[in-house]
Each structure stands twice: as structure tokens, then as C-alpha cells.
C-alpha atoms as a PDB file:
ATOM      1  CA  MET A   1       0.000   0.000   0.000  1.00  0.00           C
ATOM      2  CA  SER A   2       1.733   3.073  -1.140  1.00  0.00           C
ATOM      3  CA  HIS A   3       0.325   6.503  -1.470  1.00  0.00           C
ATOM      4  CA  GLU A   4       1.905   9.665  -2.653  1.00  0.00           C
ATOM      5  CA  GLU A   5       2.381  12.599  -0.373  1.00  0.00           C
ATOM      6  CA  ASP A   6       4.093  15.874  -0.943  1.00  0.00           C
ATOM      7  CA  GLU A   7       7.282  15.803   1.064  1.00  0.00           C
ATOM      8  CA  LEU A   8       7.950  18.896   3.100  1.00  0.00           C
ATOM      9  CA  GLY A   9      11.686  18.620   2.518  1.00  0.00           C
ATOM     10  CA  GLU A  10      12.610  18.044   6.161  1.00  0.00           C
ATOM     11  CA  GLY A  11      14.272  21.424   6.479  1.00  0.00           C
ATOM     12  CA  HIS A  12      16.732  21.079   3.617  1.00  0.00           C
ATOM     13  CA  SER A  13      16.729  24.711   2.577  1.00  0.00           C
ATOM     14  CA  VAL A  14      18.970  27.745   2.590  1.00  0.00           C
ATOM     15  CA  ALA A  15      16.984  29.233   5.471  1.00  0.00           C
ATOM     16  CA  ALA A  16      17.253  26.109   7.617  1.00  0.00           C
ATOM     17  CA  TRP A  17      20.946  25.531   6.990  1.00  0.00           C
ATOM     18  CA  THR A  18      21.774  29.177   7.651  1.00  0.00           C
ATOM     19  CA  ALA A  19      19.850  29.147  10.934  1.00  0.00           C
ATOM     20  CA  VAL A  20      21.573  25.962  12.077  1.00  0.00           C
ATOM     21  CA  VAL A  21      25.101  27.029  11.122  1.00  0.00           C
ATOM     22  CA  VAL A  22      24.851  30.495  12.709  1.00  0.00           C
ATOM     23  CA  SER A  23      23.296  29.040  15.856  1.00  0.00           C
ATOM     24  CA  LEU A  24      25.932  26.307  16.146  1.00  0.00           C
ATOM     25  CA  VAL A  25      28.705  28.889  15.829  1.00  0.00           C
ATOM     26  CA  GLY A  26      27.053  30.887  18.620  1.00  0.00           C
ATOM     27  CA  ILE A  27      26.783  27.797  20.817  1.00  0.00           C
ATOM     28  CA  ALA A  28      30.413  26.851  20.180  1.00  0.00           C
ATOM     29  CA  ILE A  29      31.663  30.346  21.024  1.00  0.00           C
ATOM     30  CA  GLY A  30      29.457  30.442  24.114  1.00  0.00           C
ATOM     31  CA  THR A  31      30.748  27.094  25.322  1.00  0.00           C
ATOM     32  CA  VAL A  32      34.383  28.164  25.043  1.00  0.00           C
ATOM     33  CA  ALA A  33      33.626  31.540  26.641  1.00  0.00           C
ATOM     34  CA  PHE A  34      31.808  29.825  29.517  1.00  0.00           C
ATOM     35  CA  PHE A  35      34.796  27.540  30.084  1.00  0.00           C
ATOM     36  CA  PHE A  36      37.172  30.520  30.246  1.00  0.00           C
ATOM     37  CA  ASP A  37      34.681  32.542  32.352  1.00  0.00           C
ATOM     38  CA  ILE A  38      34.255  35.404  29.881  1.00  0.00           C
ATOM     39  CA  GLN A  39      30.758  36.475  30.837  1.00  0.00           C
ATOM     40  CA  TRP A  40      30.225  39.193  28.210  1.00  0.00           C
ATOM     41  CA  LEU A  41      31.183  36.778  25.440  1.00  0.00           C
ATOM     42  CA  VAL A  42      28.762  34.151  26.773  1.00  0.00           C
ATOM     43  CA  TRP A  43      25.926  36.670  26.489  1.00  0.00           C
ATOM     44  CA  ALA A  44      27.090  37.807  23.051  1.00  0.00           C
ATOM     45  CA  ALA A  45      27.150  34.182  21.896  1.00  0.00           C
ATOM     46  CA  ALA A  46      23.648  33.676  23.283  1.00  0.00           C
ATOM     47  CA  GLY A  47      22.549  36.675  21.244  1.00  0.00           C
ATOM     48  CA  LEU A  48      24.234  35.243  18.141  1.00  0.00           C
ATOM     49  CA  THR A  49      22.414  31.953  18.685  1.00  0.00           C
ATOM     50  CA  LEU A  50      19.051  33.697  18.884  1.00  0.00           C
ATOM     51  CA  PHE A  51      19.975  35.821  15.869  1.00  0.00           C
ATOM     52  CA  GLY A  52      20.535  32.594  13.911  1.00  0.00           C
ATOM     53  CA  PHE A  53      16.965  31.475  14.534  1.00  0.00           C
ATOM     54  CA  VAL A  54      15.576  34.900  13.636  1.00  0.00           C
ATOM     55  CA  LEU A  55      17.701  34.945  10.478  1.00  0.00           C
ATOM     56  CA  GLY A  56      16.339  31.543   9.466  1.00  0.00           C
ATOM     57  CA  PHE A  57      12.776  32.765   9.968  1.00  0.00           C
ATOM     58  CA  VAL A  58      13.406  35.916   7.926  1.00  0.00           C
ATOM     59  CA  LEU A  59      15.040  33.945   5.109  1.00  0.00           C
ATOM     60  CA  SER A  60      12.136  31.511   5.135  1.00  0.00           C
ATOM     61  CA  LYS A  61       9.650  34.365   4.759  1.00  0.00           C
ATOM     62  CA  ALA A  62      11.808  35.845   1.985  1.00  0.00           C
ATOM     63  CA  GLY A  63      11.342  32.674  -0.075  1.00  0.00           C
ATOM     64  CA  TYR A  64      14.434  30.672   0.823  1.00  0.00           C
ATOM     65  CA  GLY A  65      12.582  28.108   2.938  1.00  0.00           C
ATOM     66  CA  VAL A  66      11.311  24.677   1.938  1.00  0.00           C
ATOM     67  CA  ASN A  67       9.215  25.017  -1.231  1.00  0.00           C
ATOM     68  CA  GLY A  68       9.909  28.754  -1.213  1.00  0.00           C
ATOM     69  CA  SER A  69       9.584  30.959  -4.252  1.00  0.00           C
ATOM     70  CA  ARG A  70      13.366  31.346  -4.574  1.00  0.00           C
ATOM     71  CA  THR A  71      14.269  27.666  -4.251  1.00  0.00           C
ATOM     72  CA  VAL A  72      14.637  25.089  -6.999  1.00  0.00           C
ATOM     73  CA  ALA A  73      12.700  21.849  -6.651  1.00  0.00           C
ATOM     74  CA  LYS A  74      14.937  18.804  -6.493  1.00  0.00           C
ATOM     75  CA  GLU A  75      14.243  16.050  -9.046  1.00  0.00           C
ATOM     76  CA  HIS A  76      14.058  12.516  -7.657  1.00  0.00           C
END
């Protein structure tokens, strides 16, 4: 029994990858800063992490998300 469904793409888009990469960089910087007890850098890294999620949302709304107007459908 198979039926066809439109796949959502599971987040494979420019918006998703950008959000993840920017957020992971923020988490990595924050982890190192926490280890060396650099409090201002921990907070800056937390801000960078949140900025990554906001950037992903903005890119998604701009058409770079899954099935967005600026993405190319992948042939299977």
C-alpha cells in the first residue's frame, strides 16, 4: 500500500541551513567563553544563537525556505 504525499523537505533549505550554522557557531563560542569565564562573550554568543533562529525565519519568509519561491525543486 503506497500513497503519494508531498514531502515537506525536512528542512533542507537555505533558510534552515543558515539558521543551524549560525546558531551552532554561537553555541560553540558560548561554550568556550563559559569555560574561560568570559561572561560578556557568553551573552554575546547567546545573542548570536538567537539571531541565527531569527535569520532563518526571515530567510524563510523571503522565499528561501522549503518550497519557497526562490528555491529550486529537487528532481528525484
